Amino acid sequence: MAEQKLPIVYTIRGCDACVKLLDKWNGDGIEFEERRADLSQEILDEARTFGDVVPIVVYPDGKIEEGFEGGIGCHIG
């Protein structure tokens, strides 16, 4: 498996916390890979291995965060 170089952000459409995170990171010029958990069962299953509330951010160092800026996102469990 290739080494992860960018944060991976799991999102679903219509999630306010996801939109806020994407808007902020895009505005700040932060590079990331977005994976839409609502478009693929495989990606949804992958996201669920890290948590049950999107946005889920998986950093290259292995750190995992759920939600955004203390806000609760959308439940995917």
C-alpha atoms as a PDB file:
ATOM      1  CA  MET A   1       0.000   0.000   0.000  1.00  0.00           C
ATOM      2  CA  ALA A   2       1.311   3.453  -0.903  1.00  0.00           C
ATOM      3  CA  GLU A   3       2.198   5.827   1.891  1.00  0.00           C
ATOM      4  CA  GLN A   4      -0.578   8.297   2.619  1.00  0.00           C
ATOM      5  CA  LYS A   5       0.667  11.830   1.962  1.00  0.00           C
ATOM      6  CA  LEU A   6      -2.524  13.891   2.393  1.00  0.00           C
ATOM      7  CA  PRO A   7      -5.259  13.841   5.005  1.00  0.00           C
ATOM      8  CA  ILE A   8      -8.247  11.764   3.898  1.00  0.00           C
ATOM      9  CA  VAL A   9     -11.612  13.356   4.637  1.00  0.00           C
ATOM     10  CA  TYR A  10     -14.716  11.145   4.628  1.00  0.00           C
ATOM     11  CA  THR A  11     -17.880  13.139   3.939  1.00  0.00           C
ATOM     12  CA  ILE A  12     -21.513  12.750   2.941  1.00  0.00           C
ATOM     13  CA  ARG A  13     -23.686  15.163   0.980  1.00  0.00           C
ATOM     14  CA  GLY A  14     -25.897  17.419   3.085  1.00  0.00           C
ATOM     15  CA  CYS A  15     -23.753  17.264   6.214  1.00  0.00           C
ATOM     16  CA  ASP A  16     -23.265  20.809   7.558  1.00  0.00           C
ATOM     17  CA  ALA A  17     -20.067  19.931   9.437  1.00  0.00           C
ATOM     18  CA  CYS A  18     -18.632  18.369   6.254  1.00  0.00           C
ATOM     19  CA  VAL A  19     -19.434  21.500   4.240  1.00  0.00           C
ATOM     20  CA  LYS A  20     -17.846  23.734   6.890  1.00  0.00           C
ATOM     21  CA  LEU A  21     -14.663  21.646   6.984  1.00  0.00           C
ATOM     22  CA  LEU A  22     -14.348  21.534   3.190  1.00  0.00           C
ATOM     23  CA  ASP A  23     -15.027  25.281   2.858  1.00  0.00           C
ATOM     24  CA  LYS A  24     -12.463  26.148   5.535  1.00  0.00           C
ATOM     25  CA  TRP A  25      -9.762  23.813   4.257  1.00  0.00           C
ATOM     26  CA  ASN A  26     -10.306  24.864   0.630  1.00  0.00           C
ATOM     27  CA  GLY A  27     -10.208  28.526   1.696  1.00  0.00           C
ATOM     28  CA  ASP A  28      -7.011  27.952   3.676  1.00  0.00           C
ATOM     29  CA  GLY A  29      -5.385  26.083   0.786  1.00  0.00           C
ATOM     30  CA  ILE A  30      -5.093  22.825   2.727  1.00  0.00           C
ATOM     31  CA  GLU A  31      -4.611  19.839   0.429  1.00  0.00           C
ATOM     32  CA  PHE A  32      -6.634  16.713   1.184  1.00  0.00           C
ATOM     33  CA  GLU A  33      -8.344  13.768  -0.445  1.00  0.00           C
ATOM     34  CA  GLU A  34     -12.129  13.751  -0.100  1.00  0.00           C
ATOM     35  CA  ARG A  35     -13.899  10.398  -0.059  1.00  0.00           C
ATOM     36  CA  ARG A  36     -17.681  10.587  -0.311  1.00  0.00           C
ATOM     37  CA  ALA A  37     -19.115   7.832   1.877  1.00  0.00           C
ATOM     38  CA  ASP A  38     -22.602   8.317   0.408  1.00  0.00           C
ATOM     39  CA  LEU A  39     -21.469   7.409  -3.121  1.00  0.00           C
ATOM     40  CA  SER A  40     -19.910   4.009  -2.494  1.00  0.00           C
ATOM     41  CA  GLN A  41     -20.610   1.135  -0.117  1.00  0.00           C
ATOM     42  CA  GLU A  42     -16.885   0.353  -0.152  1.00  0.00           C
ATOM     43  CA  ILE A  43     -15.985   3.892   0.961  1.00  0.00           C
ATOM     44  CA  LEU A  44     -18.778   3.887   3.553  1.00  0.00           C
ATOM     45  CA  ASP A  45     -17.456   0.626   5.002  1.00  0.00           C
ATOM     46  CA  GLU A  46     -13.924   2.057   4.981  1.00  0.00           C
ATOM     47  CA  ALA A  47     -15.098   5.219   6.793  1.00  0.00           C
ATOM     48  CA  ARG A  48     -16.868   3.110   9.429  1.00  0.00           C
ATOM     49  CA  THR A  49     -13.534   1.502  10.354  1.00  0.00           C
ATOM     50  CA  PHE A  50     -12.441   4.940  11.605  1.00  0.00           C
ATOM     51  CA  GLY A  51     -15.641   6.204  13.238  1.00  0.00           C
ATOM     52  CA  ASP A  52     -19.361   6.693  12.860  1.00  0.00           C
ATOM     53  CA  VAL A  53     -19.686  10.482  12.538  1.00  0.00           C
ATOM     54  CA  VAL A  54     -18.528  12.378   9.436  1.00  0.00           C
ATOM     55  CA  PRO A  55     -16.543  14.331   8.661  1.00  0.00           C
ATOM     56  CA  ILE A  56     -13.835  11.839   9.572  1.00  0.00           C
ATOM     57  CA  VAL A  57     -10.286  13.023   8.951  1.00  0.00           C
ATOM     58  CA  VAL A  58      -7.499  10.456   8.784  1.00  0.00           C
ATOM     59  CA  TYR A  59      -4.125  12.185   8.909  1.00  0.00           C
ATOM     60  CA  PRO A  60      -0.952  10.717   7.365  1.00  0.00           C
ATOM     61  CA  ASP A  61       0.460  10.135  10.868  1.00  0.00           C
ATOM     62  CA  GLY A  62      -2.540   7.943  11.748  1.00  0.00           C
ATOM     63  CA  LYS A  63      -4.387  10.507  13.889  1.00  0.00           C
ATOM     64  CA  ILE A  64      -8.171  10.376  13.427  1.00  0.00           C
ATOM     65  CA  GLU A  65     -10.699  13.150  14.101  1.00  0.00           C
ATOM     66  CA  GLU A  66     -14.495  12.989  13.909  1.00  0.00           C
ATOM     67  CA  GLY A  67     -16.642  16.108  13.445  1.00  0.00           C
ATOM     68  CA  PHE A  68     -15.276  19.591  12.844  1.00  0.00           C
ATOM     69  CA  GLU A  69     -14.190  22.320  15.276  1.00  0.00           C
ATOM     70  CA  GLY A  70     -16.024  20.648  18.138  1.00  0.00           C
ATOM     71  CA  GLY A  71     -19.226  20.321  16.108  1.00  0.00           C
ATOM     72  CA  ILE A  72     -20.951  17.003  15.710  1.00  0.00           C
ATOM     73  CA  GLY A  73     -21.301  15.878  12.131  1.00  0.00           C
ATOM     74  CA  CYS A  74     -23.658  13.342  10.586  1.00  0.00           C
ATOM     75  CA  HIS A  75     -24.002   9.802  11.895  1.00  0.00           C
ATOM     76  CA  ILE A  76     -23.089   7.036   9.424  1.00  0.00           C
ATOM     77  CA  GLY A  77     -23.067   4.072  11.805  1.00  0.00           C
END
